[in-house]
Amino acid sequence: MTIHNPEDVSVYSEPVKSAPTYDVDRPLTPPRSSASSQPVSPSDASHDTSVCTPLVALAEEILSNTRNLSGFYAAHSLPQPSFDLDGPEDYSNDLPDEIQEVRAKLRGATADMQILAAGPKENIMWMAWGYHDVSLLHYVSHFKIAEAVPLHGTVAIEELASVTKTSPDRLKRMIRYLTLRHVFAEPSPGRIAHTPSSRQLVTSEHVRSWVDVRTEETGPAAFGLVAASKRWGTDSQELDQTAFSHVHSNGELSRFGLLALPENRHREIRFANLMKALQATEPYDLKHTVSGYDWEGLGDQALVVDVGGSSMAATAQAIVRAFPNLTVVVQDLPTVVAQGRKILPVEFSDRITFQEYDFLKQTQPITNASAYIFRHILHDWSDKYATLALRNTASILQSGQKLIIIDVVMPAPRSAGSTVERTLRSSDMEMMVQFNALEREARDWEDLIKKADPRMRIQSIHKPARSANSIIEIVLEARDG
């Protein structure tokens, strides 16, 4: 088995060469690991500027990465990151790998500096007090506060409260809290303006959906983990025994069941927009799926099956656009398939078709495909059900056919940088809260695949540079004789 970065799979980029230095006028200090761990008295620290304490090492790392990042923007005539309203809205996706690495290190080091400067006691206390960030975003979104603030200029807090039918005093206090996170600004007393961050709540439907899902649905559900664990045990694998199910349906419906209710059509649309917001980011861009696997190597006129491919058929469209010699069958539940047939662009009608299929209840009906894809499917399911989904397709596999899983392979702890790892660990918590599922490590994937069908083995795990997902290629084990 060929595994690239097996136990410590890096997440957004493969190991890269050192970033080129831009406008750095002095050498780097030693890395944090070389910083002295011996206590330094205040008098020593104030007189001996050569002492490399953890705080100083972090500060030097932050300054070095800041100089490199800012120097890169200047050297390429790019707008500098700024809190000003005319600052760039997004400046991350088109940066080269080595500068992405600089950004990640800078974010990780500044987060560590906050923790170190606060100290152990305040760090824990502030963690426990962090819910106001989420609750106030919920308030702002629900009462459409951002939409009532002019995109340019200011509005009096009294007028803003009148338009949004909220309390002027409470709204003022809430906004002043949010300005500390650079969400809204108060350029003069009592007058409110947008910042680049708050403006996203007006200009980006995807960001609004992200905020609404997190603050109205998954956020409250996360606080149900204790109650769900007490009710059903701490290791349930059932979809209707999740924290989400406990909070939003008293254990009667799963996350998917709730989305399917006619009265929750707005939630379904919102969830779809959240997924679009995620896929619009560099780590989840479909270009990694297209370029990260040898689709052409499947052969001319090869048939590919996209299991659970959704009505959008986004993966199928990306593949056949790049490889017009391939055809793809998108499989999903009947209502999803019906919608997919309605909205499929006509340009793909001869290369993409839809088929009704329940991967938990039915054996794979297509037996002659070159490859079967599970993209962003199995992380939504506990091992109990992911095993079943894989087994239903594995049972028809023949020699030469491929089963391809496109999903996260979790890095070893502290191996991918704190910024990247926190993103993936947050996703892992989402899977736990919503589905009793998980983001899996390489060893977890191996165990799952063997449990589904002992004939199968992982041929390779490849993670394209700057992708959050890895591409896991699975084949049947060769047998002697």
Protein backbone atom coordinates (compact mmCIF):
# COMPACT_ATOMS: atom_id res chain seq x y z
CA MET A 1 0.00 0.00 0.00
CA THR A 2 1.32 3.42 -0.94
CA ILE A 3 0.28 6.04 1.58
CA HIS A 4 1.47 9.59 1.29
CA ASN A 5 1.79 11.00 4.82
CA PRO A 6 -0.09 8.05 6.41
CA GLU A 7 -0.23 8.80 10.11
CA ASP A 8 0.57 12.50 9.87
CA VAL A 9 -1.26 13.45 6.71
CA SER A 10 -0.81 17.17 6.27
CA VAL A 11 -4.06 18.86 5.52
CA TYR A 12 -4.01 21.92 3.31
CA SER A 13 -0.67 21.46 1.63
CA GLU A 14 2.05 18.93 1.14
CA PRO A 15 5.36 19.73 2.84
CA VAL A 16 6.71 22.78 1.06
CA LYS A 17 10.09 24.35 0.73
CA SER A 18 10.85 27.26 3.01
CA ALA A 19 8.92 30.35 2.07
CA PRO A 20 10.90 32.98 0.17
CA THR A 21 11.77 35.94 2.35
CA TYR A 22 10.15 39.26 1.55
CA ASP A 23 11.40 42.42 3.21
CA VAL A 24 12.92 40.72 6.21
CA ASP A 25 15.76 42.80 7.55
CA ARG A 26 17.12 40.40 10.13
CA PRO A 27 17.60 36.65 10.55
CA LEU A 28 15.00 34.41 12.10
CA THR A 29 15.27 33.47 15.73
CA PRO A 30 15.51 29.79 16.66
CA PRO A 31 12.24 27.84 16.41
CA ARG A 32 9.96 27.67 19.42
CA SER A 33 11.20 24.22 20.38
CA SER A 34 14.68 25.63 20.97
CA ALA A 35 13.43 28.32 23.34
CA SER A 36 14.72 28.02 26.87
CA SER A 37 12.30 26.33 29.21
CA GLN A 38 14.11 27.66 32.29
CA PRO A 39 12.27 30.34 34.28
CA VAL A 40 13.62 33.84 33.77
CA SER A 41 13.26 36.47 36.44
CA PRO A 42 11.76 39.81 35.45
CA SER A 43 15.01 41.54 36.24
CA ASP A 44 16.97 39.15 34.04
CA ALA A 45 14.49 39.48 31.19
CA SER A 46 14.53 43.26 31.36
CA HIS A 47 18.32 43.50 31.18
CA ASP A 48 19.29 40.57 28.96
CA THR A 49 17.68 41.05 25.53
CA SER A 50 19.33 37.88 24.24
CA VAL A 51 17.19 35.64 26.48
CA CYS A 52 14.83 33.59 24.29
CA THR A 53 11.75 32.97 26.41
CA PRO A 54 8.63 31.27 25.01
CA LEU A 55 6.96 34.68 24.70
CA VAL A 56 9.91 36.17 22.85
CA ALA A 57 10.21 33.14 20.56
CA LEU A 58 6.53 33.43 19.66
CA ALA A 59 6.82 37.17 19.11
CA GLU A 60 9.80 36.66 16.81
CA GLU A 61 7.93 33.97 14.87
CA ILE A 62 4.91 36.25 14.53
CA LEU A 63 7.04 39.18 13.37
CA SER A 64 8.97 37.08 10.87
CA ASN A 65 5.84 35.58 9.32
CA THR A 66 4.12 38.97 9.32
CA ARG A 67 7.06 40.52 7.44
CA ASN A 68 7.05 37.68 4.93
CA LEU A 69 3.30 37.88 4.35
CA SER A 70 3.12 41.66 4.11
CA GLY A 71 6.25 41.71 1.96
CA PHE A 72 4.71 39.21 -0.44
CA TYR A 73 1.60 41.37 -0.85
CA ALA A 74 3.75 44.43 -1.48
CA ALA A 75 6.05 42.64 -3.93
CA HIS A 76 3.07 41.47 -5.98
CA SER A 77 1.07 44.73 -5.74
CA LEU A 78 -1.71 43.00 -3.81
CA PRO A 79 -3.91 44.84 -1.29
CA GLN A 80 -2.71 44.47 2.27
CA PRO A 81 -5.00 42.84 4.84
CA SER A 82 -6.87 45.62 6.59
CA PHE A 83 -9.80 46.31 8.88
CA ASP A 84 -10.81 49.20 6.61
CA LEU A 85 -14.06 48.79 4.73
CA ASP A 86 -12.27 49.01 1.39
CA GLY A 87 -9.84 46.27 2.40
CA PRO A 88 -9.82 42.91 0.59
CA GLU A 89 -12.72 40.56 1.35
CA ASP A 90 -10.79 37.39 0.64
CA TYR A 91 -7.08 37.13 -0.01
CA SER A 92 -6.33 33.52 0.74
CA ASN A 93 -7.29 31.21 -2.12
CA ASP A 94 -4.90 32.35 -4.83
CA LEU A 95 -1.72 32.49 -2.79
CA PRO A 96 1.17 30.10 -3.55
CA ASP A 97 1.71 27.14 -1.27
CA GLU A 98 4.64 28.60 0.63
CA ILE A 99 2.70 31.78 1.45
CA GLN A 100 -0.31 29.75 2.54
CA GLU A 101 2.10 28.04 4.91
CA VAL A 102 3.20 31.44 6.22
CA ARG A 103 -0.44 32.45 6.82
CA ALA A 104 -1.17 29.23 8.69
CA LYS A 105 1.93 29.62 10.88
CA LEU A 106 1.07 33.24 11.61
CA ARG A 107 -2.47 32.39 12.67
CA GLY A 108 -1.26 29.50 14.81
CA ALA A 109 1.44 31.55 16.51
CA THR A 110 -0.87 34.48 17.27
CA ALA A 111 -3.43 32.08 18.76
CA ASP A 112 -0.70 30.53 20.91
CA MET A 113 0.45 33.99 21.96
CA GLN A 114 -3.07 34.85 23.16
CA ILE A 115 -3.14 31.69 25.28
CA LEU A 116 0.36 32.16 26.66
CA ALA A 117 -0.18 35.83 27.48
CA ALA A 118 -3.51 35.07 29.19
CA GLY A 119 -2.15 32.25 31.32
CA PRO A 120 -3.74 28.89 32.16
CA LYS A 121 -6.51 30.17 34.42
CA GLU A 122 -7.73 32.97 32.13
CA ASN A 123 -7.42 30.72 29.09
CA ILE A 124 -9.94 28.24 30.51
CA MET A 125 -12.20 30.97 31.84
CA TRP A 126 -12.37 32.75 28.49
CA MET A 127 -13.05 29.48 26.70
CA ALA A 128 -16.08 28.96 28.94
CA TRP A 129 -17.23 32.53 28.26
CA GLY A 130 -16.97 32.35 24.49
CA TYR A 131 -20.63 31.63 23.80
CA HIS A 132 -21.47 35.33 23.50
CA ASP A 133 -19.70 35.46 20.13
CA VAL A 134 -22.09 32.87 18.72
CA SER A 135 -25.24 34.10 20.49
CA LEU A 136 -24.77 37.66 19.24
CA LEU A 137 -24.14 36.54 15.67
CA HIS A 138 -27.43 34.66 15.99
CA TYR A 139 -29.19 37.81 17.22
CA VAL A 140 -27.71 39.93 14.41
CA SER A 141 -28.68 37.39 11.78
CA HIS A 142 -32.19 36.76 13.11
CA PHE A 143 -33.12 40.44 13.34
CA LYS A 144 -31.29 41.28 10.08
CA ILE A 145 -29.18 43.94 11.75
CA ALA A 146 -26.45 43.85 9.11
CA GLU A 147 -28.92 44.39 6.26
CA ALA A 148 -30.18 47.57 7.96
CA VAL A 149 -26.71 49.13 8.13
CA PRO A 150 -25.74 51.01 4.93
CA LEU A 151 -22.89 49.40 2.99
CA HIS A 152 -21.23 52.82 2.94
CA GLY A 153 -21.72 55.45 5.60
CA THR A 154 -23.25 55.18 9.06
CA VAL A 155 -26.62 54.87 10.77
CA ALA A 156 -27.70 56.09 14.19
CA ILE A 157 -28.21 53.30 16.69
CA GLU A 158 -31.74 54.55 17.43
CA GLU A 159 -32.69 54.40 13.75
CA LEU A 160 -31.11 50.96 13.41
CA ALA A 161 -33.10 49.70 16.39
CA SER A 162 -36.30 51.18 15.02
CA VAL A 163 -35.89 49.55 11.60
CA THR A 164 -35.04 46.16 13.11
CA LYS A 165 -37.62 46.41 15.92
CA THR A 166 -35.05 45.85 18.65
CA SER A 167 -34.15 47.61 21.89
CA PRO A 168 -31.79 50.57 21.25
CA ASP A 169 -29.96 50.04 24.53
CA ARG A 170 -29.48 46.29 24.08
CA LEU A 171 -28.53 46.67 20.44
CA LYS A 172 -25.90 49.28 21.30
CA ARG A 173 -24.37 47.00 23.92
CA MET A 174 -24.39 44.00 21.61
CA ILE A 175 -22.78 45.87 18.74
CA ARG A 176 -20.11 47.31 21.00
CA TYR A 177 -19.25 43.76 22.03
CA LEU A 178 -19.07 42.66 18.39
CA THR A 179 -16.85 45.58 17.39
CA LEU A 180 -14.14 43.99 19.51
CA ARG A 181 -14.16 41.18 16.94
CA HIS A 182 -14.25 43.73 14.09
CA VAL A 183 -17.84 42.87 13.30
CA PHE A 184 -19.37 46.36 12.81
CA ALA A 185 -17.67 49.60 13.78
CA GLU A 186 -18.68 52.68 15.76
CA PRO A 187 -16.68 55.46 14.08
CA SER A 188 -18.40 58.10 16.19
CA PRO A 189 -20.51 57.69 19.34
CA GLY A 190 -23.89 56.17 18.56
CA ARG A 191 -23.30 55.73 14.82
CA ILE A 192 -22.77 52.27 13.37
CA ALA A 193 -20.93 51.29 10.20
CA HIS A 194 -19.91 48.09 8.48
CA THR A 195 -16.54 46.41 8.56
CA PRO A 196 -15.37 43.88 5.95
CA SER A 197 -16.55 41.07 8.23
CA SER A 198 -20.03 42.40 9.00
CA ARG A 199 -20.51 43.28 5.33
CA GLN A 200 -20.21 39.56 4.52
CA LEU A 201 -23.55 39.05 6.28
CA VAL A 202 -25.12 41.27 3.60
CA THR A 203 -23.19 40.47 0.44
CA SER A 204 -22.63 36.71 0.76
CA GLU A 205 -25.62 34.38 0.86
CA HIS A 206 -23.25 31.51 1.57
CA VAL A 207 -21.76 33.22 4.62
CA ARG A 208 -25.25 34.08 5.91
CA SER A 209 -26.28 30.46 5.55
CA TRP A 210 -23.11 29.35 7.32
CA VAL A 211 -23.86 31.66 10.25
CA ASP A 212 -27.53 30.65 10.42
CA VAL A 213 -26.83 26.91 10.40
CA ARG A 214 -24.10 27.23 13.02
CA THR A 215 -26.00 29.58 15.34
CA GLU A 216 -29.53 28.15 15.01
CA GLU A 217 -28.91 24.45 14.45
CA THR A 218 -25.51 22.91 15.09
CA GLY A 219 -24.42 25.38 17.79
CA PRO A 220 -27.37 24.69 20.11
CA ALA A 221 -27.03 20.98 19.29
CA ALA A 222 -23.43 20.97 20.51
CA PHE A 223 -24.68 21.90 23.98
CA GLY A 224 -26.81 18.77 23.89
CA LEU A 225 -23.82 16.40 23.94
CA VAL A 226 -24.06 15.78 27.68
CA ALA A 227 -27.82 15.17 27.64
CA ALA A 228 -27.59 12.86 24.62
CA SER A 229 -24.74 10.92 26.24
CA LYS A 230 -26.71 10.47 29.45
CA ARG A 231 -29.78 9.42 27.48
CA TRP A 232 -28.25 6.97 24.98
CA GLY A 233 -24.72 6.33 26.24
CA THR A 234 -21.43 7.86 25.23
CA ASP A 235 -20.77 5.67 22.19
CA SER A 236 -24.07 5.40 20.31
CA GLN A 237 -23.74 5.01 16.54
CA GLU A 238 -27.40 5.67 15.74
CA LEU A 239 -28.46 8.67 13.66
CA ASP A 240 -31.48 9.43 15.84
CA GLN A 241 -29.49 9.25 19.09
CA THR A 242 -27.29 12.28 18.45
CA ALA A 243 -26.98 15.56 20.29
CA PHE A 244 -28.60 17.19 17.25
CA SER A 245 -31.55 14.81 17.34
CA HIS A 246 -32.00 15.27 21.09
CA VAL A 247 -32.08 19.07 20.87
CA HIS A 248 -34.10 19.52 17.69
CA SER A 249 -36.54 16.58 17.69
CA ASN A 250 -36.35 15.00 21.16
CA GLY A 251 -34.75 11.95 19.58
CA GLU A 252 -37.51 11.31 17.06
CA LEU A 253 -35.70 12.26 13.84
CA SER A 254 -32.15 12.24 12.53
CA ARG A 255 -30.45 15.26 10.96
CA PHE A 256 -31.38 13.94 7.52
CA GLY A 257 -34.94 13.20 8.65
CA LEU A 258 -35.40 16.76 9.86
CA LEU A 259 -34.13 18.21 6.58
CA ALA A 260 -36.61 16.04 4.67
CA LEU A 261 -39.68 17.52 6.39
CA PRO A 262 -41.69 19.84 4.09
CA GLU A 263 -41.77 22.57 6.74
CA ASN A 264 -37.96 22.53 6.84
CA ARG A 265 -37.44 23.35 3.18
CA HIS A 266 -35.72 26.59 4.22
CA ARG A 267 -33.27 24.57 6.33
CA GLU A 268 -32.51 22.29 3.40
CA ILE A 269 -31.74 25.29 1.17
CA ARG A 270 -29.66 26.86 3.91
CA PHE A 271 -27.69 23.66 4.42
CA ALA A 272 -27.04 23.44 0.66
CA ASN A 273 -25.73 27.01 0.73
CA LEU A 274 -23.48 26.12 3.65
CA MET A 275 -21.99 23.29 1.62
CA LYS A 276 -21.50 25.65 -1.33
CA ALA A 277 -19.71 28.07 0.98
CA LEU A 278 -17.43 25.26 2.12
CA GLN A 279 -16.71 24.04 -1.41
CA ALA A 280 -15.91 27.59 -2.50
CA THR A 281 -12.90 27.53 -0.19
CA GLU A 282 -9.52 26.33 -1.43
CA PRO A 283 -9.26 23.17 0.75
CA TYR A 284 -12.59 21.77 -0.51
CA ASP A 285 -12.41 22.93 -4.13
CA LEU A 286 -13.39 20.23 -6.62
CA LYS A 287 -10.27 20.96 -8.64
CA HIS A 288 -8.39 18.77 -6.15
CA THR A 289 -10.69 15.85 -6.96
CA VAL A 290 -10.14 16.38 -10.69
CA SER A 291 -6.36 16.82 -10.60
CA GLY A 292 -5.60 14.53 -7.67
CA TYR A 293 -6.47 11.23 -9.35
CA ASP A 294 -5.61 9.58 -12.68
CA TRP A 295 -9.14 9.57 -14.08
CA GLU A 296 -7.80 9.20 -17.60
CA GLY A 297 -6.11 6.01 -16.50
CA LEU A 298 -9.51 4.39 -16.03
CA GLY A 299 -9.62 3.99 -19.80
CA ASP A 300 -11.44 5.45 -22.76
CA GLN A 301 -15.24 5.51 -22.40
CA ALA A 302 -14.94 4.36 -18.78
CA LEU A 303 -18.03 4.41 -16.59
CA VAL A 304 -17.82 6.02 -13.13
CA VAL A 305 -20.50 5.72 -10.44
CA ASP A 306 -20.85 8.61 -7.97
CA VAL A 307 -22.54 7.06 -4.92
CA GLY A 308 -24.60 9.61 -3.00
CA GLY A 309 -23.65 12.27 -5.53
CA SER A 310 -26.57 14.64 -4.70
CA SER A 311 -28.89 16.56 -6.98
CA MET A 312 -26.18 19.10 -7.79
CA ALA A 313 -23.96 16.37 -9.31
CA ALA A 314 -21.04 18.73 -8.70
CA THR A 315 -18.40 16.00 -8.60
CA ALA A 316 -19.73 14.35 -11.75
CA GLN A 317 -19.81 17.65 -13.63
CA ALA A 318 -16.25 18.52 -12.62
CA ILE A 319 -14.96 15.11 -13.75
CA VAL A 320 -16.68 14.95 -17.14
CA ARG A 321 -15.82 18.58 -17.87
CA ALA A 322 -12.14 17.71 -17.50
CA PHE A 323 -12.42 14.20 -18.99
CA PRO A 324 -15.15 14.19 -21.65
CA ASN A 325 -14.37 10.56 -22.52
CA LEU A 326 -15.86 9.47 -19.17
CA THR A 327 -19.52 9.00 -18.30
CA VAL A 328 -20.88 9.22 -14.76
CA VAL A 329 -23.98 7.78 -13.11
CA VAL A 330 -25.02 9.78 -10.05
CA GLN A 331 -26.82 7.64 -7.47
CA ASP A 332 -28.99 9.00 -4.68
CA LEU A 333 -32.42 8.74 -3.06
CA PRO A 334 -35.54 9.15 -5.26
CA THR A 335 -36.39 12.74 -4.30
CA VAL A 336 -32.78 13.81 -4.81
CA VAL A 337 -32.59 12.08 -8.18
CA ALA A 338 -35.83 13.70 -9.34
CA GLN A 339 -34.46 17.14 -8.49
CA GLY A 340 -31.12 16.35 -10.12
CA ARG A 341 -32.74 15.41 -13.40
CA LYS A 342 -34.56 18.74 -13.46
CA ILE A 343 -31.55 20.95 -12.86
CA LEU A 344 -28.75 19.11 -14.71
CA PRO A 345 -27.29 21.50 -17.32
CA VAL A 346 -28.10 20.31 -20.84
CA GLU A 347 -24.41 20.26 -21.77
CA PHE A 348 -23.95 17.20 -19.52
CA SER A 349 -27.08 15.29 -20.52
CA ASP A 350 -25.21 12.79 -22.70
CA ARG A 351 -22.50 12.06 -20.11
CA ILE A 352 -24.25 12.27 -16.73
CA THR A 353 -27.33 10.28 -15.75
CA PHE A 354 -29.11 9.74 -12.45
CA GLN A 355 -30.19 6.51 -10.78
CA GLU A 356 -32.24 5.89 -7.66
CA TYR A 357 -30.19 3.99 -5.10
CA ASP A 358 -30.12 3.65 -1.30
CA PHE A 359 -26.54 2.73 -0.42
CA LEU A 360 -27.56 1.48 3.04
CA LYS A 361 -30.33 -0.87 1.91
CA GLN A 362 -29.46 -2.06 -1.59
CA THR A 363 -26.66 -3.97 -3.25
CA GLN A 364 -24.92 -1.85 -5.88
CA PRO A 365 -26.99 -2.34 -9.08
CA ILE A 366 -24.24 -1.31 -11.53
CA THR A 367 -21.66 -4.04 -11.89
CA ASN A 368 -19.63 -2.89 -14.91
CA ALA A 369 -18.22 0.46 -13.75
CA SER A 370 -14.50 1.14 -13.72
CA ALA A 371 -14.71 3.11 -10.48
CA TYR A 372 -17.18 3.80 -7.66
CA ILE A 373 -16.81 7.12 -5.82
CA PHE A 374 -17.82 8.00 -2.26
CA ARG A 375 -17.05 11.73 -1.96
CA HIS A 376 -17.87 13.41 1.35
CA ILE A 377 -20.28 10.61 2.19
CA LEU A 378 -18.76 8.28 4.74
CA HIS A 379 -17.72 10.94 7.27
CA ASP A 380 -21.46 11.52 7.82
CA TRP A 381 -21.91 7.94 9.02
CA SER A 382 -20.74 6.02 12.06
CA ASP A 383 -18.67 2.89 11.47
CA LYS A 384 -21.80 0.74 11.77
CA TYR A 385 -23.44 2.36 8.75
CA ALA A 386 -20.31 3.30 6.79
CA THR A 387 -19.36 -0.39 6.84
CA LEU A 388 -22.76 -1.29 5.42
CA ALA A 389 -22.53 1.35 2.68
CA LEU A 390 -19.12 0.10 1.59
CA ARG A 391 -20.14 -3.55 1.78
CA ASN A 392 -23.10 -3.00 -0.54
CA THR A 393 -20.77 -1.83 -3.28
CA ALA A 394 -17.77 -4.00 -2.38
CA SER A 395 -19.86 -7.13 -2.82
CA ILE A 396 -20.02 -6.64 -6.60
CA LEU A 397 -16.40 -5.53 -7.11
CA GLN A 398 -14.29 -7.50 -9.55
CA SER A 399 -10.56 -7.48 -10.21
CA GLY A 400 -9.56 -4.23 -11.94
CA GLN A 401 -12.43 -2.17 -10.58
CA LYS A 402 -11.68 0.66 -8.15
CA LEU A 403 -13.50 1.99 -5.12
CA ILE A 404 -12.46 5.60 -4.50
CA ILE A 405 -13.13 7.41 -1.23
CA ILE A 406 -12.61 11.17 -1.27
CA ASP A 407 -12.71 12.35 2.31
CA VAL A 408 -10.62 13.72 5.16
CA VAL A 409 -7.76 11.64 6.52
CA MET A 410 -7.06 13.15 9.91
CA PRO A 411 -3.47 14.15 10.68
CA ALA A 412 -1.62 12.93 13.72
CA PRO A 413 -2.06 15.32 16.67
CA ARG A 414 -0.05 18.54 16.36
CA SER A 415 1.48 17.50 13.03
CA ALA A 416 -0.35 19.80 10.63
CA GLY A 417 -0.16 23.15 12.42
CA SER A 418 -2.71 24.39 14.91
CA THR A 419 -4.77 26.44 12.42
CA VAL A 420 -5.28 23.56 10.03
CA GLU A 421 -5.78 21.00 12.77
CA ARG A 422 -8.36 23.13 14.57
CA THR A 423 -10.41 23.32 11.37
CA LEU A 424 -10.40 19.55 10.99
CA ARG A 425 -10.99 18.86 14.67
CA SER A 426 -13.97 21.25 14.49
CA SER A 427 -15.30 19.26 11.56
CA ASP A 428 -14.81 16.07 13.57
CA MET A 429 -16.89 17.57 16.39
CA GLU A 430 -19.61 18.50 13.87
CA MET A 431 -19.76 14.89 12.70
CA MET A 432 -20.09 13.75 16.31
CA VAL A 433 -22.83 16.26 17.19
CA GLN A 434 -24.92 15.81 14.05
CA PHE A 435 -24.44 12.17 13.06
CA ASN A 436 -22.56 10.23 15.78
CA ALA A 437 -19.93 9.98 13.04
CA LEU A 438 -16.32 11.07 12.71
CA GLU A 439 -13.42 12.26 10.59
CA ARG A 440 -11.14 9.23 10.32
CA GLU A 441 -7.40 8.73 10.58
CA ALA A 442 -5.58 6.50 8.08
CA ARG A 443 -5.74 3.54 10.48
CA ASP A 444 -9.48 4.08 10.94
CA TRP A 445 -9.98 3.90 7.18
CA GLU A 446 -7.97 0.68 6.97
CA ASP A 447 -10.03 -0.92 9.73
CA LEU A 448 -13.32 0.24 8.20
CA ILE A 449 -12.47 -1.12 4.77
CA LYS A 450 -11.35 -4.50 6.10
CA LYS A 451 -14.51 -4.72 8.20
CA ALA A 452 -16.64 -4.00 5.13
CA ASP A 453 -14.93 -6.65 3.01
CA PRO A 454 -11.69 -8.46 3.92
CA ARG A 455 -10.92 -8.85 0.21
CA MET A 456 -10.35 -5.10 -0.10
CA ARG A 457 -7.13 -3.24 0.54
CA ILE A 458 -6.00 0.36 0.29
CA GLN A 459 -3.79 0.76 -2.76
CA SER A 460 -2.87 4.38 -2.09
CA ILE A 461 -3.77 7.48 -0.12
CA HIS A 462 -2.93 10.74 -1.82
CA LYS A 463 -3.67 14.22 -0.55
CA PRO A 464 -3.40 16.92 -3.22
CA ALA A 465 -1.54 20.04 -2.14
CA ARG A 466 -3.77 22.52 -0.27
CA SER A 467 -6.68 20.07 -0.20
CA ALA A 468 -8.50 19.13 2.99
CA ASN A 469 -9.46 15.80 1.46
CA SER A 470 -7.39 12.79 0.56
CA ILE A 471 -8.12 10.39 -2.27
CA ILE A 472 -8.17 6.80 -1.06
CA GLU A 473 -7.94 4.20 -3.83
CA ILE A 474 -9.19 0.73 -2.89
CA VAL A 475 -8.83 -2.48 -4.88
CA LEU A 476 -9.43 -6.17 -4.33
CA GLU A 477 -6.57 -8.05 -2.75
CA ALA A 478 -4.73 -10.18 -5.29
CA ARG A 479 -5.10 -13.91 -4.57
CA ASP A 480 -2.58 -16.57 -5.49
CA GLY A 481 -3.90 -19.15 -7.89
